Protein backbone atom coordinates (compact mmCIF):
# COMPACT_ATOMS: atom_id res chain seq x y z
CA MET A 1 13.05 -34.60 -10.98
CA GLY A 2 13.88 -37.94 -9.37
CA PHE A 3 17.15 -37.59 -7.88
CA ALA A 4 18.85 -36.66 -4.74
CA VAL A 5 19.42 -32.58 -4.40
CA ASP A 6 23.12 -32.45 -3.57
CA TYR A 7 23.41 -29.26 -4.36
CA GLU A 8 21.51 -26.40 -4.25
CA LEU A 9 22.28 -23.22 -5.91
CA VAL A 10 19.67 -19.85 -4.91
CA THR A 11 20.63 -17.89 -9.13
CA LEU A 12 21.67 -14.13 -8.58
CA SER A 13 20.49 -10.93 -6.69
CA GLN A 14 17.82 -9.33 -8.93
CA ASP A 15 18.89 -6.49 -10.60
CA ALA A 16 16.37 -4.44 -11.46
CA SER A 17 18.22 -2.52 -14.41
CA ALA A 18 18.28 -5.62 -16.30
CA PHE A 19 14.17 -6.86 -15.68
CA ARG A 20 13.92 -3.43 -17.35
CA GLU A 21 16.40 -4.00 -20.63
CA HIS A 22 14.51 -7.86 -20.90
CA GLN A 23 10.50 -6.00 -20.21
CA GLU A 24 11.70 -3.15 -23.55
CA SER A 25 13.07 -5.30 -25.39
CA ARG A 26 10.00 -8.58 -25.40
CA TRP A 27 12.53 -10.95 -26.83
CA TRP A 28 10.10 -14.31 -25.75
CA GLU A 29 7.78 -12.22 -28.18
CA SER A 30 9.91 -12.92 -30.93
CA ASP A 31 9.37 -15.46 -33.33
CA GLU A 32 12.94 -16.11 -33.54
CA PRO A 33 13.36 -16.03 -29.06
CA PHE A 34 16.76 -16.73 -28.88
CA ALA A 35 17.87 -14.19 -31.59
CA ALA A 36 16.11 -11.34 -30.54
CA LEU A 37 18.06 -12.92 -26.84
CA ALA A 38 21.35 -12.52 -28.35
CA GLU A 39 21.23 -9.25 -29.33
CA LEU A 40 19.43 -8.43 -25.77
CA VAL A 41 22.88 -10.34 -24.86
CA ALA A 42 25.44 -8.64 -27.17
CA ARG A 43 24.99 -5.30 -26.36
CA GLY A 44 26.15 -5.35 -22.77
CA GLY A 45 24.36 -4.04 -20.57
CA PRO A 46 22.74 -5.15 -17.44
CA ALA A 47 20.60 -7.86 -18.92
CA ALA A 48 24.36 -9.55 -20.87
CA ARG A 49 25.61 -8.93 -17.32
CA GLY A 50 23.60 -11.72 -15.95
CA ALA A 51 22.85 -13.43 -18.44
CA HIS A 52 27.17 -14.21 -18.42
CA ALA A 53 27.01 -14.96 -13.97
CA LEU A 54 24.74 -17.44 -14.50
CA ALA A 55 26.68 -19.50 -17.86
CA ALA A 56 29.92 -18.48 -14.78
CA LEU A 57 27.83 -20.77 -12.41
CA TRP A 58 26.88 -23.12 -14.95
CA ARG A 59 31.12 -23.80 -15.79
CA ASP A 60 31.34 -23.53 -12.11
CA ILE A 61 29.28 -26.53 -11.07
CA VAL A 62 29.93 -28.47 -14.19
CA MET A 63 34.30 -27.70 -12.96
CA ASP A 64 33.45 -29.14 -9.50
CA ILE A 65 31.27 -32.08 -11.16
CA PRO A 66 33.86 -36.12 -12.20
CA PRO A 67 34.13 -37.56 -14.40
CA ALA A 68 31.33 -39.06 -16.46
CA THR A 69 28.70 -37.42 -14.47
CA ALA A 70 26.08 -35.17 -15.48
CA ALA A 71 24.52 -31.92 -13.60
CA LEU A 72 20.93 -31.12 -14.10
CA PHE A 73 19.93 -26.84 -14.74
CA ILE A 74 16.32 -26.44 -13.18
CA GLY A 75 15.29 -22.74 -14.13
CA HIS A 76 12.37 -19.83 -13.96
CA SER A 77 11.79 -17.66 -16.70
CA GLY A 78 13.72 -16.85 -18.82
CA GLU A 79 17.28 -18.87 -17.40
CA LEU A 80 17.88 -21.69 -19.51
CA GLU A 81 17.04 -19.29 -22.42
CA GLN A 82 19.86 -16.53 -21.21
CA ALA A 83 22.47 -18.52 -19.30
CA LEU A 84 22.95 -20.68 -23.33
CA VAL A 85 23.23 -17.68 -25.25
CA ALA A 86 25.81 -16.62 -22.94
CA CYS A 87 27.17 -20.67 -23.07
CA PHE A 88 26.64 -19.67 -27.17
CA PRO A 89 27.23 -16.20 -28.63
CA ASN A 90 27.90 -17.95 -31.74
CA ALA A 91 25.47 -20.31 -32.12
CA ASP A 92 22.33 -20.36 -35.12
CA HIS A 93 20.73 -18.73 -32.59
CA GLY A 94 17.66 -18.63 -34.70
CA ALA A 95 17.23 -22.89 -35.21
CA TRP A 96 16.84 -22.81 -31.47
CA GLY A 97 13.23 -22.43 -32.01
CA ARG A 98 10.89 -20.91 -29.48
CA THR A 99 11.56 -20.36 -25.42
CA PHE A 100 11.37 -23.58 -23.97
CA ASP A 101 7.98 -25.11 -22.51
CA ALA A 102 7.53 -27.97 -19.82
CA LEU A 103 10.62 -30.00 -20.03
CA GLU A 104 12.31 -28.48 -22.45
CA GLY A 105 15.82 -27.98 -22.18
CA ALA A 106 20.42 -28.99 -23.78
CA ARG A 107 22.40 -31.15 -23.22
CA LEU A 108 25.66 -29.37 -22.91
CA THR A 109 29.54 -31.18 -24.20
CA PHE A 110 32.07 -29.93 -21.53
CA ASP A 111 35.74 -30.30 -22.97
CA GLY A 112 39.16 -28.83 -24.08
CA ASP A 113 41.61 -27.17 -21.69
CA PRO A 114 40.67 -24.67 -20.94
CA PRO A 115 37.18 -26.80 -20.04
CA PHE A 116 34.27 -24.66 -22.37
CA PHE A 117 31.18 -26.34 -23.05
CA THR A 118 31.41 -27.12 -26.83
CA GLU A 119 27.83 -28.70 -27.81
CA VAL A 120 24.46 -27.70 -27.77
CA GLU A 121 21.96 -29.99 -27.83
CA ILE A 122 18.16 -28.77 -27.42
CA LEU A 123 15.82 -31.16 -26.11
CA ARG A 124 11.90 -30.58 -27.15
CA PHE A 125 9.07 -32.74 -25.77
CA THR A 126 7.57 -34.06 -28.16
CA THR A 127 3.98 -34.98 -26.64
CA GLU A 128 1.35 -33.32 -25.78
CA PHE A 129 0.53 -32.24 -22.33
CA PRO A 130 -3.21 -33.66 -20.90
C-alpha cells in the first residue's frame, strides 16, 4: 500500500457457528448484499457478534491514533462489509451496492464525544483491471 506497517492486528478467532450462518445466508449473492448482510447482523446471532467485534476493533484502533491521521484496514472474505454494517446499522445498505472488489472499500469519519463512526463514503475502483 506504500506505507510502513507500524501496527498489525490479527483478526478474531474463527467461530464455526458464524461461518455456518454466513454460508446459510449467502448474503454476498444477493442483489443488495449489504442489505442482506444487515438483515443477518440484525438477527443478533454469531454472525452479528463477529461483525460487532470487528467494528469494536476498528473503534479501538482509531481511538489510539493521533488527531488528523488515518488508519488503513485491509480485509478479506467480507470482513470490511461486516464491520461497515455493524458501524452503520441504520444506513441505507441497499445504496451501498455490491460487495467490494480489490482496491475498494470505504472512508469513515470518526468524531463526537464519546467518539464514534459518524459518516461513511463507499469507494469504488473505476478502472477495469487488465
